[in-house]
């Protein structure tokens, strides 16, 4: 990704120097195992570690060799031999390039997942803090963008908290699923290398052996990983869109923090735009864009081809770097979000009590009216109010057919805002636990 949307810690996972360091560790751990099995001299394995453990690999030199060999792993091994010397001939014994590439990719993806899980914790902490802050702040709930019934702003944030809790659980599972190692040789049969080498490398690299590989680790694992990132991106966009709607001038129930000196428009000095939320929408689209190639990468020819390789070189860093940036931005956005309870109440009252229409409907049915008749009675009194003509409560009190079933006091009882919020505590306990 471009530097604008890149955080250094995540970017470092995908830097060439990091990749070559991981490649070296895979090769060196494999050499250790081969030495223990008597396949190569133990002194050779020790020399590999001694001469290259702290090496800073010359990326330009590796690129130079690759321009000639047209093979990245051979280019690396050639450069490694320049560092290690004659004992380098014992490196990569019985291995194939995919053993190095796939195991390295999975190391990088697990490290990226660890950062993303920490990011999710930041988002969850911000959502929880603000949810309890506005637990009982009433606001209008909307369906189809139209006023429906009252909720609280705390509930809106609790919805998101529950969603990102599920996101964390999915990412933990995706991390586990992708954390496998393959050192199985050409076509995955271990013909030229002992399976115990794979077991040793896997343990050393914090992975588990792939139960059965071909010449590559099966890409359904990676498809699930990137699909999980895509779902998380959608969750980011969902709350970002909610904030964008709430910041509209006609609504203005919440607003992104606007710092001193910040400018909203090059032409209109009065503007305060939801630029962070809009940015999150765009970044989310990019993360989701990598889900389709991840799914298509599952379908490789026979024991392997490299149609997946070019896509993964982009999608691995881009998807994780972008999601990392987006999650941290979202956490900050929620933490500093400006909330306007007075405007929430103003909007809640805007339809003159129509938000209580269902309560009146149910009250009529409980007093003997059929549901069809009750619906007609409520709707015919609601529509004038919808057009800005009259007050819903007063119109109901004046309706002789309504008064056949409900007294004025009984009608007024249906307009209690607190009635809609009586189970907020129950919902919060379900989402956040008893504490």
Protein backbone atom coordinates (compact mmCIF):
# COMPACT_ATOMS: atom_id res chain seq x y z
CA UNK A 1 0.00 0.00 0.00
CA UNK A 2 0.97 3.63 -0.35
CA UNK A 3 2.61 5.27 2.70
CA UNK A 4 -0.48 7.41 3.35
CA UNK A 5 -2.37 4.35 4.60
CA UNK A 6 0.52 2.32 6.01
CA UNK A 7 1.61 1.87 9.61
CA UNK A 8 5.29 0.97 10.10
CA UNK A 9 4.87 -2.15 12.26
CA UNK A 10 2.62 -3.88 9.75
CA UNK A 11 4.69 -2.69 6.80
CA UNK A 12 7.85 -4.17 8.31
CA UNK A 13 6.34 -7.67 8.13
CA UNK A 14 6.29 -7.40 4.34
CA UNK A 15 9.63 -5.69 3.74
CA UNK A 16 12.13 -7.65 1.60
CA UNK A 17 14.66 -7.79 4.44
CA UNK A 18 12.06 -9.39 6.72
CA UNK A 19 11.07 -11.87 4.02
CA UNK A 20 14.68 -12.91 3.41
CA UNK A 21 15.26 -13.22 7.14
CA UNK A 22 12.33 -15.63 7.38
CA UNK A 23 13.57 -17.55 4.34
CA UNK A 24 16.94 -17.92 6.00
CA UNK A 25 15.41 -19.14 9.26
CA UNK A 26 13.37 -21.76 7.41
CA UNK A 27 16.45 -23.00 5.55
CA UNK A 28 18.65 -22.92 8.67
CA UNK A 29 16.14 -24.78 10.84
CA UNK A 30 15.75 -27.36 8.07
CA UNK A 31 19.55 -27.73 8.02
CA UNK A 32 19.53 -28.34 11.78
CA UNK A 33 16.99 -31.12 11.36
CA UNK A 34 18.89 -32.63 8.44
CA UNK A 35 22.07 -32.58 10.51
CA UNK A 36 20.38 -34.37 13.41
CA UNK A 37 19.17 -37.01 10.97
CA UNK A 38 22.70 -37.42 9.61
CA UNK A 39 21.81 -36.20 6.13
CA UNK A 40 24.25 -33.31 6.24
CA UNK A 41 27.26 -32.62 8.50
CA UNK A 42 26.40 -30.99 11.81
CA UNK A 43 29.29 -28.59 11.32
CA UNK A 44 27.69 -27.39 8.11
CA UNK A 45 24.44 -26.56 9.91
CA UNK A 46 26.35 -24.69 12.60
CA UNK A 47 28.28 -22.74 9.98
CA UNK A 48 25.05 -21.67 8.24
CA UNK A 49 23.77 -20.16 11.49
CA UNK A 50 27.10 -18.66 12.52
CA UNK A 51 27.72 -16.84 9.26
CA UNK A 52 24.21 -15.72 8.32
CA UNK A 53 22.19 -15.42 11.52
CA UNK A 54 22.93 -11.71 11.90
CA UNK A 55 23.42 -10.98 8.23
CA UNK A 56 21.77 -8.03 6.56
CA UNK A 57 20.83 -9.44 3.20
CA UNK A 58 21.71 -7.36 0.17
CA UNK A 59 18.33 -6.88 -1.47
CA UNK A 60 19.85 -5.16 -4.49
CA UNK A 61 22.26 -8.08 -4.97
CA UNK A 62 19.44 -10.62 -4.76
CA UNK A 63 17.44 -8.60 -7.31
CA UNK A 64 20.48 -8.52 -9.56
CA UNK A 65 20.85 -12.31 -9.44
CA UNK A 66 17.12 -12.78 -10.01
CA UNK A 67 17.26 -10.68 -13.18
CA UNK A 68 19.55 -13.39 -14.56
CA UNK A 69 18.05 -16.52 -12.99
CA UNK A 70 14.41 -15.41 -13.23
CA UNK A 71 13.89 -17.26 -9.94
CA UNK A 72 13.60 -15.51 -6.58
CA UNK A 73 14.47 -18.43 -4.29
CA UNK A 74 17.51 -19.43 -6.39
CA UNK A 75 18.63 -15.79 -6.31
CA UNK A 76 18.36 -15.78 -2.53
CA UNK A 77 20.20 -19.09 -2.16
CA UNK A 78 22.97 -17.83 -4.42
CA UNK A 79 23.37 -14.74 -2.28
CA UNK A 80 23.24 -16.87 0.88
CA UNK A 81 26.09 -18.96 -0.51
CA UNK A 82 28.11 -15.78 -0.97
CA UNK A 83 27.69 -15.16 2.76
CA UNK A 84 28.02 -18.72 4.09
CA UNK A 85 30.64 -20.16 1.77
CA UNK A 86 31.11 -23.81 0.70
CA UNK A 87 28.83 -25.21 3.44
CA UNK A 88 25.91 -23.53 1.67
CA UNK A 89 25.78 -26.58 -0.61
CA UNK A 90 24.03 -28.39 2.23
CA UNK A 91 21.24 -25.80 2.39
CA UNK A 92 17.86 -26.55 0.71
CA UNK A 93 18.60 -30.30 0.58
CA UNK A 94 15.47 -32.12 -0.68
CA UNK A 95 13.39 -28.96 -0.53
CA UNK A 96 11.47 -27.12 -3.20
CA UNK A 97 10.89 -23.38 -3.54
CA UNK A 98 7.31 -23.59 -2.34
CA UNK A 99 8.49 -25.08 0.95
CA UNK A 100 10.23 -21.78 1.62
CA UNK A 101 7.70 -19.44 0.00
CA UNK A 102 4.55 -20.95 1.49
CA UNK A 103 5.96 -21.41 4.96
CA UNK A 104 7.25 -17.83 4.91
CA UNK A 105 3.90 -16.46 3.72
CA UNK A 106 2.12 -18.21 6.56
CA UNK A 107 4.59 -16.83 9.08
CA UNK A 108 3.91 -13.34 7.72
CA UNK A 109 0.14 -13.85 7.77
CA UNK A 110 0.18 -15.04 11.38
CA UNK A 111 2.30 -12.08 12.42
CA UNK A 112 -0.07 -9.77 10.57
CA UNK A 113 -3.04 -11.42 12.29
CA UNK A 114 -1.45 -10.76 15.68
CA UNK A 115 -1.26 -7.04 14.87
CA UNK A 116 -4.82 -7.03 13.54
CA UNK A 117 -6.06 -8.75 16.71
CA UNK A 118 -4.40 -6.01 18.77
CA UNK A 119 -6.11 -3.44 16.53
CA UNK A 120 -9.47 -5.11 17.12
CA UNK A 121 -8.89 -4.86 20.84
CA UNK A 122 -8.45 -1.09 20.43
CA UNK A 123 -11.72 -0.86 18.50
CA UNK A 124 -13.55 -2.97 21.08
CA UNK A 125 -12.23 -0.86 23.96
CA UNK A 126 -13.35 2.37 22.29
CA UNK A 127 -16.79 0.96 21.46
CA UNK A 128 -17.32 -0.34 24.98
CA UNK A 129 -16.32 2.92 26.63
CA UNK A 130 -18.61 5.02 24.44
CA UNK A 131 -21.45 2.48 24.60
CA UNK A 132 -21.62 2.70 28.39
CA UNK A 133 -21.26 6.48 28.21
CA UNK A 134 -24.40 6.65 26.05
CA UNK A 135 -26.16 3.56 27.31
CA UNK A 136 -29.40 5.44 28.00
CA UNK A 137 -29.03 8.32 25.52
CA UNK A 138 -32.27 8.07 23.53
CA UNK A 139 -32.20 8.41 19.76
CA UNK A 140 -34.41 7.38 16.92
CA UNK A 141 -34.02 4.00 15.33
CA UNK A 142 -34.42 3.98 11.57
CA UNK A 143 -35.46 1.34 9.09
CA UNK A 144 -35.14 2.09 5.37
CA UNK A 145 -33.67 5.42 6.53
CA UNK A 146 -37.07 6.35 7.98
CA UNK A 147 -37.87 6.98 11.64
CA UNK A 148 -39.04 3.76 13.27
CA UNK A 149 -38.97 3.42 17.08
CA UNK A 150 -36.66 4.74 19.81
CA UNK A 151 -33.34 3.10 20.64
CA UNK A 152 -30.30 4.47 22.46
CA UNK A 153 -27.01 5.58 21.03
CA UNK A 154 -25.37 3.12 23.42
CA UNK A 155 -27.26 0.31 21.73
CA UNK A 156 -25.94 1.40 18.33
CA UNK A 157 -22.40 1.11 19.68
CA UNK A 158 -23.23 -2.17 21.42
CA UNK A 159 -24.35 -3.59 18.07
CA UNK A 160 -20.91 -2.76 16.69
CA UNK A 161 -19.15 -4.14 19.77
CA UNK A 162 -20.89 -7.50 19.35
CA UNK A 163 -20.05 -7.52 15.65
CA UNK A 164 -16.35 -6.82 16.22
CA UNK A 165 -16.29 -9.44 18.97
CA UNK A 166 -17.36 -11.94 16.34
CA UNK A 167 -14.74 -10.49 14.00
CA UNK A 168 -12.04 -11.16 16.59
CA UNK A 169 -13.20 -14.75 17.05
CA UNK A 170 -13.15 -15.31 13.28
CA UNK A 171 -9.67 -13.84 12.94
CA UNK A 172 -8.35 -16.03 15.74
CA UNK A 173 -9.74 -19.04 13.87
CA UNK A 174 -8.35 -17.82 10.53
CA UNK A 175 -4.93 -17.26 12.09
CA UNK A 176 -4.93 -20.81 13.43
CA UNK A 177 -6.02 -22.21 10.09
CA UNK A 178 -3.29 -20.46 8.11
CA UNK A 179 -0.49 -21.19 10.59
CA UNK A 180 0.84 -24.30 8.82
CA UNK A 181 4.25 -25.27 7.46
CA UNK A 182 5.15 -27.42 4.46
CA UNK A 183 8.65 -28.84 3.99
CA UNK A 184 7.53 -31.77 1.86
CA UNK A 185 9.59 -31.38 -1.32
CA UNK A 186 8.52 -31.62 -4.92
CA UNK A 187 4.84 -32.64 -5.27
CA UNK A 188 4.63 -33.02 -1.49
CA UNK A 189 5.62 -36.68 -1.15
CA UNK A 190 8.68 -36.23 1.14
CA UNK A 191 10.58 -38.40 -1.36
CA UNK A 192 13.76 -36.35 -0.95
CA UNK A 193 13.32 -35.12 2.63
CA UNK A 194 12.28 -36.70 5.91
CA UNK A 195 8.90 -35.55 7.35
CA UNK A 196 10.71 -34.97 10.65
CA UNK A 197 12.40 -31.97 9.04
CA UNK A 198 8.98 -30.40 8.48
CA UNK A 199 8.02 -31.07 12.09
CA UNK A 200 11.20 -29.40 13.33
CA UNK A 201 10.82 -26.33 11.11
CA UNK A 202 7.15 -25.95 11.96
CA UNK A 203 7.85 -25.92 15.69
CA UNK A 204 10.76 -23.51 15.29
CA UNK A 205 8.66 -21.08 13.23
CA UNK A 206 5.58 -21.21 15.46
CA UNK A 207 3.52 -23.21 12.99
CA UNK A 208 2.13 -26.74 12.73
CA UNK A 209 2.90 -29.24 9.94
CA UNK A 210 0.50 -29.20 7.02
CA UNK A 211 -1.21 -32.63 7.18
CA UNK A 212 -1.00 -33.07 3.43
CA UNK A 213 0.42 -30.67 0.89
CA UNK A 214 0.95 -31.07 -2.83
CA UNK A 215 3.82 -28.84 -3.81
CA UNK A 216 2.00 -26.00 -2.09
CA UNK A 217 0.02 -25.47 1.08
CA UNK A 218 -3.68 -25.75 0.16
CA UNK A 219 -5.07 -22.29 -0.64
CA UNK A 220 -8.47 -22.83 0.96
CA UNK A 221 -6.69 -21.82 4.17
CA UNK A 222 -5.67 -18.50 2.65
CA UNK A 223 -9.10 -18.00 1.11
CA UNK A 224 -10.63 -18.22 4.57
CA UNK A 225 -8.03 -15.82 5.97
CA UNK A 226 -8.64 -13.12 3.37
CA UNK A 227 -12.40 -13.68 3.47
CA UNK A 228 -12.24 -13.01 7.20
CA UNK A 229 -10.37 -9.77 6.53
CA UNK A 230 -13.08 -8.87 4.03
CA UNK A 231 -15.86 -9.44 6.56
CA UNK A 232 -14.01 -7.30 9.11
CA UNK A 233 -13.71 -4.57 6.47
CA UNK A 234 -17.48 -4.73 5.94
CA UNK A 235 -18.03 -4.32 9.67
CA UNK A 236 -15.79 -1.26 9.61
CA UNK A 237 -17.77 0.21 6.75
CA UNK A 238 -21.10 -0.50 8.43
CA UNK A 239 -20.32 1.70 11.42
CA UNK A 240 -18.54 4.24 9.20
CA UNK A 241 -21.68 4.63 7.09
CA UNK A 242 -23.77 4.99 10.25
CA UNK A 243 -21.55 7.86 11.40
CA UNK A 244 -21.68 9.46 7.95
CA UNK A 245 -25.49 9.43 8.06
CA UNK A 246 -25.55 10.80 11.59
CA UNK A 247 -23.27 13.68 10.61
CA UNK A 248 -25.50 14.88 7.77
CA UNK A 249 -26.56 18.50 8.35
CA UNK A 250 -30.24 17.57 8.57
CA UNK A 251 -29.46 14.95 11.24
CA UNK A 252 -26.30 16.02 13.11
CA UNK A 253 -26.66 13.50 15.93
CA UNK A 254 -22.93 12.74 15.96
CA UNK A 255 -19.88 14.18 14.30
CA UNK A 256 -16.26 13.34 13.71
CA UNK A 257 -13.85 15.30 15.89
CA UNK A 258 -12.72 18.44 14.08
CA UNK A 259 -9.32 19.59 15.28
CA UNK A 260 -8.14 23.15 15.56
CA UNK A 261 -6.75 24.29 12.24
CA UNK A 262 -8.49 21.52 10.30
CA UNK A 263 -10.08 22.57 7.01
CA UNK A 264 -13.18 20.92 5.58
CA UNK A 265 -13.25 22.36 2.08
CA UNK A 266 -10.91 24.30 -0.20
CA UNK A 267 -13.88 26.39 -1.38
CA UNK A 268 -16.32 26.56 1.56
CA UNK A 269 -14.80 27.55 4.92
CA UNK A 270 -17.88 26.45 6.88
CA UNK A 271 -17.60 22.77 5.96
CA UNK A 272 -16.98 19.98 8.51
CA UNK A 273 -17.06 16.77 6.51
CA UNK A 274 -17.04 13.11 7.67
CA UNK A 275 -13.76 12.49 5.88
CA UNK A 276 -12.50 9.75 8.21
CA UNK A 277 -15.67 7.71 7.82
CA UNK A 278 -15.63 8.18 4.07
CA UNK A 279 -11.98 7.14 4.02
CA UNK A 280 -12.88 3.99 5.94
CA UNK A 281 -15.54 3.16 3.37
CA UNK A 282 -12.95 3.40 0.59
CA UNK A 283 -10.34 1.37 2.46
CA UNK A 284 -12.93 -1.30 3.23
CA UNK A 285 -13.66 -1.67 -0.46
CA UNK A 286 -9.98 -2.33 -1.12
CA UNK A 287 -9.73 -5.04 1.54
CA UNK A 288 -12.84 -6.78 0.19
CA UNK A 289 -11.42 -6.56 -3.33
CA UNK A 290 -8.81 -9.18 -2.39
CA UNK A 291 -11.38 -11.76 -1.33
CA UNK A 292 -12.21 -12.83 -4.88
CA UNK A 293 -8.60 -13.55 -5.97
CA UNK A 294 -8.07 -15.40 -2.68
CA UNK A 295 -11.02 -17.64 -3.51
CA UNK A 296 -9.82 -18.13 -7.08
CA UNK A 297 -6.33 -19.05 -5.83
CA UNK A 298 -7.77 -22.24 -4.34
CA UNK A 299 -8.08 -23.68 -7.83
CA UNK A 300 -4.54 -24.66 -8.90
CA UNK A 301 -3.54 -27.19 -11.56
CA UNK A 302 -2.67 -30.68 -10.31
CA UNK A 303 0.00 -30.53 -7.59
CA UNK A 304 0.76 -26.86 -8.23
CA UNK A 305 1.03 -23.95 -10.57
CA UNK A 306 1.95 -20.35 -9.78
CA UNK A 307 -1.21 -18.54 -10.86
CA UNK A 308 -1.74 -17.72 -7.19
CA UNK A 309 1.75 -16.32 -6.64
CA UNK A 310 1.48 -12.94 -8.36
CA UNK A 311 -1.86 -12.22 -6.67
CA UNK A 312 -0.54 -13.15 -3.23
CA UNK A 313 2.48 -10.88 -3.58
CA UNK A 314 0.04 -7.98 -3.73
CA UNK A 315 -2.86 -9.13 -1.61
CA UNK A 316 -0.80 -10.30 1.38
CA UNK A 317 0.73 -6.93 2.19
CA UNK A 318 -2.03 -4.73 0.76
CA UNK A 319 -4.97 -6.34 2.54
CA UNK A 320 -3.27 -6.58 5.93
CA UNK A 321 -1.65 -3.14 5.77
CA UNK A 322 -4.92 -1.52 4.70
CA UNK A 323 -7.03 -3.26 7.33
CA UNK A 324 -4.47 -2.45 10.02
CA UNK A 325 -4.66 1.25 9.15
CA UNK A 326 -8.46 1.19 8.94
CA UNK A 327 -8.95 -0.50 12.31
CA UNK A 328 -6.66 1.96 14.11
CA UNK A 329 -8.39 4.87 12.37
CA UNK A 330 -11.79 3.51 13.42
CA UNK A 331 -10.70 3.15 17.05
CA UNK A 332 -9.60 6.78 17.12
CA UNK A 333 -12.76 7.91 15.37
CA UNK A 334 -15.02 6.22 17.92
CA UNK A 335 -12.92 7.37 20.87
CA UNK A 336 -13.13 11.04 19.85
CA UNK A 337 -16.59 11.02 18.27
CA UNK A 338 -18.68 14.08 19.15
CA UNK A 339 -22.18 13.07 20.26
CA UNK A 340 -25.14 15.47 20.40
CA UNK A 341 -27.92 14.09 22.66
CA UNK A 342 -30.03 17.26 22.29
CA UNK A 343 -30.16 16.80 18.52
CA UNK A 344 -30.99 13.13 19.02
CA UNK A 345 -33.96 14.13 21.18
CA UNK A 346 -34.98 16.81 18.68
CA UNK A 347 -35.01 14.27 15.85
CA UNK A 348 -36.79 11.75 18.05
CA UNK A 349 -39.61 14.28 18.57
CA UNK A 350 -39.68 15.38 14.94
CA UNK A 351 -42.59 13.16 13.87
CA UNK A 352 -44.88 14.36 16.64
CA UNK A 353 -45.15 11.08 18.50
CA UNK A 354 -45.56 8.78 15.49
CA UNK A 355 -42.71 6.63 16.86
CA UNK A 356 -45.26 5.28 19.37
CA UNK A 357 -47.70 4.05 16.68
CA UNK A 358 -47.04 0.36 17.32
CA UNK A 359 -47.81 0.73 21.01
CA UNK A 360 -51.18 2.29 20.16
CA UNK A 361 -51.85 -0.46 17.63
CA UNK A 362 -51.17 -3.18 20.20
CA UNK A 363 -53.17 -1.43 22.89
CA UNK A 364 -56.21 -1.33 20.58
CA UNK A 365 -55.95 -5.05 19.83
CA UNK A 366 -55.66 -5.84 23.53
CA UNK A 367 -58.92 -3.94 24.10
CA UNK A 368 -60.82 -5.93 21.49
CA UNK A 369 -60.17 -4.31 18.12
CA UNK A 370 -59.13 -6.61 15.29
CA UNK A 371 -55.58 -6.07 14.08
CA UNK A 372 -56.85 -4.90 10.69
CA UNK A 373 -59.23 -2.34 12.22
CA UNK A 374 -56.62 -1.20 14.75
CA UNK A 375 -54.08 -0.68 11.96
CA UNK A 376 -56.54 1.45 9.97
CA UNK A 377 -57.40 3.56 13.01
CA UNK A 378 -53.76 4.25 13.84
CA UNK A 379 -52.73 4.86 10.26
CA UNK A 380 -55.51 7.34 9.49
CA UNK A 381 -54.43 9.43 12.47
CA UNK A 382 -50.75 9.04 11.68
CA UNK A 383 -50.84 10.21 8.07
CA UNK A 384 -51.90 13.82 8.76
CA UNK A 385 -49.06 14.09 11.29
CA UNK A 386 -46.67 12.66 8.68
CA UNK A 387 -47.71 15.56 6.43
CA UNK A 388 -47.13 18.04 9.25
CA UNK A 389 -50.81 18.48 10.09
CA UNK A 390 -51.58 18.13 13.77
CA UNK A 391 -50.32 16.15 16.76
CA UNK A 392 -50.62 12.37 16.88
CA UNK A 393 -51.64 12.18 20.53
CA UNK A 394 -54.34 14.82 20.15
CA UNK A 395 -55.71 13.33 16.96
CA UNK A 396 -56.05 9.94 18.64
CA UNK A 397 -57.89 11.49 21.57
CA UNK A 398 -60.34 13.15 19.17
CA UNK A 399 -61.01 9.98 17.17
CA UNK A 400 -64.36 8.61 18.35
CA UNK A 401 -63.62 5.10 17.08
CA UNK A 402 -60.33 4.99 18.96
CA UNK A 403 -62.12 6.22 22.08
CA UNK A 404 -64.40 3.19 21.92
CA UNK A 405 -61.40 1.15 23.02
CA UNK A 406 -59.02 3.51 24.86
CA UNK A 407 -59.47 6.34 27.35
CA UNK A 408 -57.35 9.49 27.18
CA UNK A 409 -55.18 8.20 29.99
CA UNK A 410 -54.70 4.86 28.25
CA UNK A 411 -53.77 6.63 25.03
CA UNK A 412 -51.24 8.83 26.87
CA UNK A 413 -49.68 5.76 28.47
CA UNK A 414 -48.64 4.56 25.03
CA UNK A 415 -46.42 7.62 24.58
CA UNK A 416 -43.93 6.74 27.31
CA UNK A 417 -40.39 6.88 25.91
CA UNK A 418 -39.02 4.81 28.78
CA UNK A 419 -41.17 1.86 27.72
CA UNK A 420 -38.94 1.41 24.66
CA UNK A 421 -35.76 1.37 26.73
CA UNK A 422 -36.78 -1.01 29.50
CA UNK A 423 -34.63 -3.89 28.24
CA UNK A 424 -31.45 -1.93 27.51
CA UNK A 425 -29.80 -3.39 30.62
CA UNK A 426 -30.67 -6.90 29.48
CA UNK A 427 -29.13 -6.32 26.04
CA UNK A 428 -25.98 -4.79 27.55
CA UNK A 429 -25.55 -7.80 29.82
CA UNK A 430 -25.83 -10.09 26.82
CA UNK A 431 -23.21 -8.11 24.91
CA UNK A 432 -20.78 -7.07 27.64
CA UNK A 433 -21.47 -9.61 30.38
CA UNK A 434 -22.58 -9.01 33.94
CA UNK A 435 -19.65 -6.71 34.70
